[in-house]
C-alpha atoms as a PDB file:
ATOM      1  CA  UNK A   1     -23.940  52.037-128.098  1.00  0.00           C
ATOM      2  CA  UNK A   2     -21.288  49.364-127.826  1.00  0.00           C
ATOM      3  CA  UNK A   3     -20.781  47.907-124.384  1.00  0.00           C
ATOM      4  CA  UNK A   4     -17.379  47.919-122.780  1.00  0.00           C
ATOM      5  CA  UNK A   5     -15.292  45.089-124.219  1.00  0.00           C
ATOM      6  CA  UNK A   6     -14.077  42.318-121.961  1.00  0.00           C
ATOM      7  CA  UNK A   7     -10.382  42.506-121.781  1.00  0.00           C
ATOM      8  CA  UNK A   8      -6.263  40.198-119.559  1.00  0.00           C
ATOM      9  CA  UNK A   9      -4.380  41.036-115.950  1.00  0.00           C
ATOM     10  CA  UNK A  10      -2.447  42.774-118.837  1.00  0.00           C
ATOM     11  CA  UNK A  11      -0.468  43.608-119.932  1.00  0.00           C
ATOM     12  CA  UNK A  12       0.795  42.036-123.768  1.00  0.00           C
ATOM     13  CA  UNK A  13      -1.943  41.526-118.568  1.00  0.00           C
ATOM     14  CA  UNK A  14       0.560  40.232-121.508  1.00  0.00           C
ATOM     15  CA  UNK A  15      -0.488  39.809-118.213  1.00  0.00           C
ATOM     16  CA  UNK A  16       1.721  37.239-116.382  1.00  0.00           C
ATOM     17  CA  UNK A  17       5.000  38.207-114.833  1.00  0.00           C
ATOM     18  CA  UNK A  18       6.997  35.639-112.986  1.00  0.00           C
ATOM     19  CA  UNK A  19       6.870  32.510-110.884  1.00  0.00           C
ATOM     20  CA  UNK A  20       3.626  32.002-109.073  1.00  0.00           C
ATOM     21  CA  UNK A  21       0.028  31.020-109.543  1.00  0.00           C
ATOM     22  CA  UNK A  22      -1.891  34.279-109.215  1.00  0.00           C
ATOM     23  CA  UNK A  23      -4.185  35.158-112.157  1.00  0.00           C
ATOM     24  CA  UNK A  24      -3.717  38.262-114.249  1.00  0.00           C
ATOM     25  CA  UNK A  25      -5.818  41.452-113.888  1.00  0.00           C
ATOM     26  CA  UNK A  26      -8.992  41.607-115.899  1.00  0.00           C
ATOM     27  CA  UNK A  27     -11.735  44.033-116.663  1.00  0.00           C
ATOM     28  CA  UNK A  28     -15.245  43.719-118.015  1.00  0.00           C
ATOM     29  CA  UNK A  29     -18.563  45.530-117.800  1.00  0.00           C
ATOM     30  CA  UNK A  30     -19.097  46.657-115.107  1.00  0.00           C
ATOM     31  CA  UNK A  31     -15.396  47.380-114.597  1.00  0.00           C
ATOM     32  CA  UNK A  32     -14.125  45.846-111.343  1.00  0.00           C
ATOM     33  CA  UNK A  33     -11.520  47.482-109.170  1.00  0.00           C
ATOM     34  CA  UNK A  34      -8.048  46.067-109.783  1.00  0.00           C
ATOM     35  CA  UNK A  35      -6.149  44.916-106.735  1.00  0.00           C
ATOM     36  CA  UNK A  36      -2.776  43.163-106.704  1.00  0.00           C
ATOM     37  CA  UNK A  37      -3.038  39.742-105.110  1.00  0.00           C
ATOM     38  CA  UNK A  38      -0.129  38.354-103.096  1.00  0.00           C
ATOM     39  CA  UNK A  39       1.027  34.918-104.139  1.00  0.00           C
ATOM     40  CA  UNK A  40       2.075  32.293-101.662  1.00  0.00           C
ATOM     41  CA  UNK A  41       4.576  30.878-104.155  1.00  0.00           C
ATOM     42  CA  UNK A  42       8.246  31.783-103.866  1.00  0.00           C
ATOM     43  CA  UNK A  43       9.369  34.721-106.022  1.00  0.00           C
ATOM     44  CA  UNK A  44       5.880  35.243-107.394  1.00  0.00           C
ATOM     45  CA  UNK A  45       5.326  38.279-109.594  1.00  0.00           C
ATOM     46  CA  UNK A  46       2.186  37.583-111.565  1.00  0.00           C
ATOM     47  CA  UNK A  47      -0.368  40.196-112.565  1.00  0.00           C
ATOM     48  CA  UNK A  48      -3.467  39.558-110.555  1.00  0.00           C
ATOM     49  CA  UNK A  49      -7.022  40.566-109.846  1.00  0.00           C
ATOM     50  CA  UNK A  50      -9.363  39.759-107.022  1.00  0.00           C
ATOM     51  CA  UNK A  51     -12.354  40.072-109.321  1.00  0.00           C
ATOM     52  CA  UNK A  52     -13.802  37.391-111.637  1.00  0.00           C
ATOM     53  CA  UNK A  53     -14.509  38.235-115.259  1.00  0.00           C
ATOM     54  CA  UNK A  54     -18.200  38.477-116.200  1.00  0.00           C
ATOM     55  CA  UNK A  55     -19.381  36.698-119.311  1.00  0.00           C
ATOM     56  CA  UNK A  56     -18.249  38.526-122.423  1.00  0.00           C
ATOM     57  CA  UNK A  57     -20.840  40.387-124.487  1.00  0.00           C
ATOM     58  CA  UNK A  58     -21.639  39.217-127.998  1.00  0.00           C
ATOM     59  CA  UNK A  59     -18.651  39.516-130.335  1.00  0.00           C
ATOM     60  CA  UNK A  60     -18.541  42.402-132.778  1.00  0.00           C
ATOM     61  CA  UNK A  61     -19.258  41.353-136.342  1.00  0.00           C
ATOM     62  CA  UNK A  62     -15.741  42.256-137.435  1.00  0.00           C
ATOM     63  CA  UNK A  63     -14.281  39.811-134.924  1.00  0.00           C
ATOM     64  CA  UNK A  64     -15.694  36.859-136.852  1.00  0.00           C
ATOM     65  CA  UNK A  65     -13.593  37.879-139.861  1.00  0.00           C
ATOM     66  CA  UNK A  66     -10.271  37.784-137.999  1.00  0.00           C
ATOM     67  CA  UNK A  67      -8.420  34.515-137.372  1.00  0.00           C
ATOM     68  CA  UNK A  68      -7.005  33.684-133.951  1.00  0.00           C
ATOM     69  CA  UNK A  69      -3.375  34.681-133.276  1.00  0.00           C
ATOM     70  CA  UNK A  70      -0.663  32.019-133.241  1.00  0.00           C
ATOM     71  CA  UNK A  71       2.624  33.932-132.998  1.00  0.00           C
ATOM     72  CA  UNK A  72       4.105  37.209-131.773  1.00  0.00           C
ATOM     73  CA  UNK A  73       7.180  39.081-132.973  1.00  0.00           C
ATOM     74  CA  UNK A  74       8.654  42.269-131.495  1.00  0.00           C
ATOM     75  CA  UNK A  75      11.908  42.663-133.460  1.00  0.00           C
ATOM     76  CA  UNK A  76      13.264  45.657-131.536  1.00  0.00           C
ATOM     77  CA  UNK A  77      13.708  43.570-128.378  1.00  0.00           C
ATOM     78  CA  UNK A  78      14.188  40.133-129.894  1.00  0.00           C
ATOM     79  CA  UNK A  79      10.789  38.642-129.030  1.00  0.00           C
ATOM     80  CA  UNK A  80       9.768  35.901-131.468  1.00  0.00           C
ATOM     81  CA  UNK A  81       7.430  33.301-130.027  1.00  0.00           C
ATOM     82  CA  UNK A  82       4.435  31.122-130.619  1.00  0.00           C
ATOM     83  CA  UNK A  83       1.316  32.109-128.678  1.00  0.00           C
ATOM     84  CA  UNK A  84      -0.897  30.056-126.414  1.00  0.00           C
ATOM     85  CA  UNK A  85      -4.576  30.696-125.707  1.00  0.00           C
ATOM     86  CA  UNK A  86      -5.683  31.827-122.288  1.00  0.00           C
ATOM     87  CA  UNK A  87      -9.172  31.488-120.884  1.00  0.00           C
ATOM     88  CA  UNK A  88     -10.553  31.886-117.408  1.00  0.00           C
ATOM     89  CA  UNK A  89      -9.965  30.018-114.168  1.00  0.00           C
ATOM     90  CA  UNK A  90     -12.870  28.401-112.265  1.00  0.00           C
ATOM     91  CA  UNK A  91     -13.115  31.520-110.106  1.00  0.00           C
ATOM     92  CA  UNK A  92     -13.586  33.707-113.177  1.00  0.00           C
ATOM     93  CA  UNK A  93     -10.104  35.241-113.204  1.00  0.00           C
ATOM     94  CA  UNK A  94      -7.966  35.169-116.320  1.00  0.00           C
ATOM     95  CA  UNK A  95      -5.439  32.394-116.795  1.00  0.00           C
ATOM     96  CA  UNK A  96      -1.736  33.135-117.154  1.00  0.00           C
ATOM     97  CA  UNK A  97       0.778  31.217-119.263  1.00  0.00           C
ATOM     98  CA  UNK A  98       2.149  28.047-117.692  1.00  0.00           C
ATOM     99  CA  UNK A  99       5.312  28.300-115.632  1.00  0.00           C
ATOM    100  CA  UNK A 100       6.107  24.605-116.053  1.00  0.00           C
ATOM    101  CA  UNK A 101       7.664  25.232-119.465  1.00  0.00           C
ATOM    102  CA  UNK A 102      11.195  26.738-119.475  1.00  0.00           C
ATOM    103  CA  UNK A 103      10.199  28.374-122.779  1.00  0.00           C
ATOM    104  CA  UNK A 104       6.968  29.789-121.329  1.00  0.00           C
ATOM    105  CA  UNK A 105       5.136  31.381-124.226  1.00  0.00           C
ATOM    106  CA  UNK A 106       3.039  34.544-124.086  1.00  0.00           C
ATOM    107  CA  UNK A 107      -0.703  34.051-124.239  1.00  0.00           C
ATOM    108  CA  UNK A 108      -3.628  35.733-125.994  1.00  0.00           C
ATOM    109  CA  UNK A 109      -6.651  36.151-123.754  1.00  0.00           C
ATOM    110  CA  UNK A 110      -9.471  34.805-125.928  1.00  0.00           C
ATOM    111  CA  UNK A 111     -12.011  36.925-124.069  1.00  0.00           C
ATOM    112  CA  UNK A 112     -10.493  39.928-125.856  1.00  0.00           C
ATOM    113  CA  UNK A 113     -10.705  40.644-129.610  1.00  0.00           C
ATOM    114  CA  UNK A 114      -8.346  38.770-131.917  1.00  0.00           C
ATOM    115  CA  UNK A 115      -5.466  41.027-133.020  1.00  0.00           C
ATOM    116  CA  UNK A 116      -6.722  43.016-135.985  1.00  0.00           C
ATOM    117  CA  UNK A 117     -10.366  43.044-134.915  1.00  0.00           C
ATOM    118  CA  UNK A 118     -11.918  46.200-133.526  1.00  0.00           C
ATOM    119  CA  UNK A 119     -10.938  46.732-129.890  1.00  0.00           C
ATOM    120  CA  UNK A 120      -7.984  45.959-127.615  1.00  0.00           C
ATOM    121  CA  UNK A 121      -6.394  42.520-128.082  1.00  0.00           C
ATOM    122  CA  UNK A 122      -4.668  41.405-124.867  1.00  0.00           C
ATOM    123  CA  UNK A 123      -1.442  39.383-124.759  1.00  0.00           C
ATOM    124  CA  UNK A 124       0.227  38.442-121.458  1.00  0.00           C
ATOM    125  CA  UNK A 125       3.721  37.185-120.852  1.00  0.00           C
ATOM    126  CA  UNK A 126       6.086  36.397-117.992  1.00  0.00           C
ATOM    127  CA  UNK A 127       8.991  38.707-117.243  1.00  0.00           C
ATOM    128  CA  UNK A 128      10.912  36.034-115.340  1.00  0.00           C
ATOM    129  CA  UNK A 129      10.632  33.147-112.924  1.00  0.00           C
ATOM    130  CA  UNK A 130      12.677  31.873-110.035  1.00  0.00           C
ATOM    131  CA  UNK A 131      13.039  28.476-111.681  1.00  0.00           C
ATOM    132  CA  UNK A 132      13.932  29.424-115.258  1.00  0.00           C
ATOM    133  CA  UNK A 133      15.185  33.029-115.053  1.00  0.00           C
ATOM    134  CA  UNK A 134      14.315  35.649-117.708  1.00  0.00           C
ATOM    135  CA  UNK A 135      10.938  35.150-119.379  1.00  0.00           C
ATOM    136  CA  UNK A 136       9.660  35.881-122.866  1.00  0.00           C
ATOM    137  CA  UNK A 137       8.752  39.476-121.919  1.00  0.00           C
ATOM    138  CA  UNK A 138      11.933  40.142-119.939  1.00  0.00           C
ATOM    139  CA  UNK A 139      12.983  42.906-122.357  1.00  0.00           C
ATOM    140  CA  UNK A 140       9.504  44.303-123.000  1.00  0.00           C
ATOM    141  CA  UNK A 141      10.350  47.476-121.086  1.00  0.00           C
ATOM    142  CA  UNK A 142      12.845  48.285-123.857  1.00  0.00           C
ATOM    143  CA  UNK A 143      10.134  48.688-126.501  1.00  0.00           C
ATOM    144  CA  UNK A 144       9.601  52.266-127.688  1.00  0.00           C
ATOM    145  CA  UNK A 145       7.010  54.283-129.635  1.00  0.00           C
ATOM    146  CA  UNK A 146       7.172  53.557-133.354  1.00  0.00           C
ATOM    147  CA  UNK A 147       8.512  50.020-132.906  1.00  0.00           C
ATOM    148  CA  UNK A 148       6.752  47.370-135.026  1.00  0.00           C
ATOM    149  CA  UNK A 149       4.887  44.369-133.618  1.00  0.00           C
ATOM    150  CA  UNK A 150       3.770  41.486-135.819  1.00  0.00           C
ATOM    151  CA  UNK A 151       1.081  38.972-134.893  1.00  0.00           C
ATOM    152  CA  UNK A 152       0.802  35.856-137.033  1.00  0.00           C
ATOM    153  CA  UNK A 153      -2.676  34.365-137.385  1.00  0.00           C
ATOM    154  CA  UNK A 154      -4.078  30.896-137.925  1.00  0.00           C
ATOM    155  CA  UNK A 155      -5.085  31.633-141.527  1.00  0.00           C
ATOM    156  CA  UNK A 156      -1.535  32.597-142.505  1.00  0.00           C
ATOM    157  CA  UNK A 157      -2.105  36.352-142.420  1.00  0.00           C
ATOM    158  CA  UNK A 158      -0.045  38.736-140.288  1.00  0.00           C
ATOM    159  CA  UNK A 159      -1.387  41.742-138.401  1.00  0.00           C
ATOM    160  CA  UNK A 160       1.135  44.581-138.262  1.00  0.00           C
ATOM    161  CA  UNK A 161       1.028  46.992-135.341  1.00  0.00           C
ATOM    162  CA  UNK A 162       3.073  50.027-134.337  1.00  0.00           C
ATOM    163  CA  UNK A 163       3.727  50.936-130.704  1.00  0.00           C
ATOM    164  CA  UNK A 164       1.923  54.083-129.564  1.00  0.00           C
ATOM    165  CA  UNK A 165       3.174  54.218-125.986  1.00  0.00           C
ATOM    166  CA  UNK A 166       4.822  52.214-123.225  1.00  0.00           C
ATOM    167  CA  UNK A 167       3.837  52.758-119.609  1.00  0.00           C
ATOM    168  CA  UNK A 168       5.157  51.532-116.291  1.00  0.00           C
ATOM    169  CA  UNK A 169       2.355  51.823-113.750  1.00  0.00           C
ATOM    170  CA  UNK A 170       1.942  50.788-110.145  1.00  0.00           C
ATOM    171  CA  UNK A 171      -0.278  47.745-109.832  1.00  0.00           C
ATOM    172  CA  UNK A 172      -2.426  49.700-107.397  1.00  0.00           C
ATOM    173  CA  UNK A 173      -3.093  52.234-110.205  1.00  0.00           C
ATOM    174  CA  UNK A 174      -3.610  49.791-113.070  1.00  0.00           C
ATOM    175  CA  UNK A 175      -5.294  51.757-115.913  1.00  0.00           C
ATOM    176  CA  UNK A 176      -8.192  49.363-116.433  1.00  0.00           C
ATOM    177  CA  UNK A 177     -10.210  51.459-118.883  1.00  0.00           C
ATOM    178  CA  UNK A 178      -7.182  52.428-120.973  1.00  0.00           C
ATOM    179  CA  UNK A 179      -6.194  48.776-121.309  1.00  0.00           C
ATOM    180  CA  UNK A 180      -9.542  47.003-121.621  1.00  0.00           C
ATOM    181  CA  UNK A 181     -11.991  49.719-122.593  1.00  0.00           C
ATOM    182  CA  UNK A 182     -13.622  50.253-125.992  1.00  0.00           C
ATOM    183  CA  UNK A 183     -11.504  51.912-128.665  1.00  0.00           C
ATOM    184  CA  UNK A 184     -12.430  52.972-132.183  1.00  0.00           C
ATOM    185  CA  UNK A 185      -9.697  50.971-133.933  1.00  0.00           C
ATOM    186  CA  UNK A 186      -7.927  47.599-133.726  1.00  0.00           C
ATOM    187  CA  UNK A 187      -5.442  47.815-130.878  1.00  0.00           C
ATOM    188  CA  UNK A 188      -3.007  45.617-129.000  1.00  0.00           C
ATOM    189  CA  UNK A 189      -1.821  45.577-125.401  1.00  0.00           C
ATOM    190  CA  UNK A 190       1.205  43.590-124.246  1.00  0.00           C
ATOM    191  CA  UNK A 191       1.404  43.257-120.474  1.00  0.00           C
ATOM    192  CA  UNK A 192       3.984  41.996-118.024  1.00  0.00           C
ATOM    193  CA  UNK A 193       5.452  42.967-114.652  1.00  0.00           C
ATOM    194  CA  UNK A 194       8.182  45.482-113.954  1.00  0.00           C
ATOM    195  CA  UNK A 195       9.568  48.015-111.561  1.00  0.00           C
ATOM    196  CA  UNK A 196      10.825  47.078-108.120  1.00  0.00           C
ATOM    197  CA  UNK A 197      10.585  43.491-106.894  1.00  0.00           C
ATOM    198  CA  UNK A 198       9.207  43.269-103.356  1.00  0.00           C
ATOM    199  CA  UNK A 199      10.761  40.169-101.746  1.00  0.00           C
ATOM    200  CA  UNK A 200       8.299  40.229 -98.861  1.00  0.00           C
ATOM    201  CA  UNK A 201       5.233  40.320-101.115  1.00  0.00           C
ATOM    202  CA  UNK A 202       7.045  38.109-103.667  1.00  0.00           C
ATOM    203  CA  UNK A 203       5.810  40.330-106.444  1.00  0.00           C
ATOM    204  CA  UNK A 204       6.858  43.178-108.696  1.00  0.00           C
ATOM    205  CA  UNK A 205       5.253  46.446-107.721  1.00  0.00           C
ATOM    206  CA  UNK A 206       4.452  47.649-111.242  1.00  0.00           C
ATOM    207  CA  UNK A 207       3.215  46.572-114.661  1.00  0.00           C
ATOM    208  CA  UNK A 208       4.797  47.288-118.033  1.00  0.00           C
ATOM    209  CA  UNK A 209       2.084  47.941-120.629  1.00  0.00           C
ATOM    210  CA  UNK A 210       2.714  48.350-124.331  1.00  0.00           C
ATOM    211  CA  UNK A 211      -0.063  50.081-126.301  1.00  0.00           C
ATOM    212  CA  UNK A 212      -0.086  49.559-130.067  1.00  0.00           C
ATOM    213  CA  UNK A 213      -2.365  50.189-133.053  1.00  0.00           C
ATOM    214  CA  UNK A 214      -2.948  48.226-136.253  1.00  0.00           C
ATOM    215  CA  UNK A 215      -1.253  49.663-139.337  1.00  0.00           C
ATOM    216  CA  UNK A 216      -1.706  46.828-141.823  1.00  0.00           C
END
């Protein structure tokens, strides 16, 4: 039986949200509890986890046949961006895209399958930042079921996905298994922050998660 795939924080984790340095939420076998961390940076709203990510299990054979992603397009909300690669921080938590770039790009968590391989590919992006304003995933909440998503890959191919569902969930109820757990098809999750911004905690209270499936 296949072991649970290592997944973000994520959201598209996705998983970064806004200004700050907190890592995005992650999940791996055994699945850790997800807890929102509070950043000490002003106006922070980054997906976070207090748990490190265990070493990923051996890649599925199909993963070796799929090139790494290099770009992301979500035409319905005007997202068209290059992708960066995200790994893990020294404490085992997942990295988030840099906030030093005014054009902060979304990032693919390389501990998850490449888009088009079996399992849930995880892409994280910022919703906004205090310094630069709206982020690359600022309009992600406007995506709807049936919308297309295109992921360009390093070998020149493009993986085409269609949105299955969009959820806004409280960070305290992050659906770890639904986002990072094994699935029987190539999937994609785009993750960012959303909902109400808590100025005291300097964080958004919710996550926006886009679930999509490969169609070609």
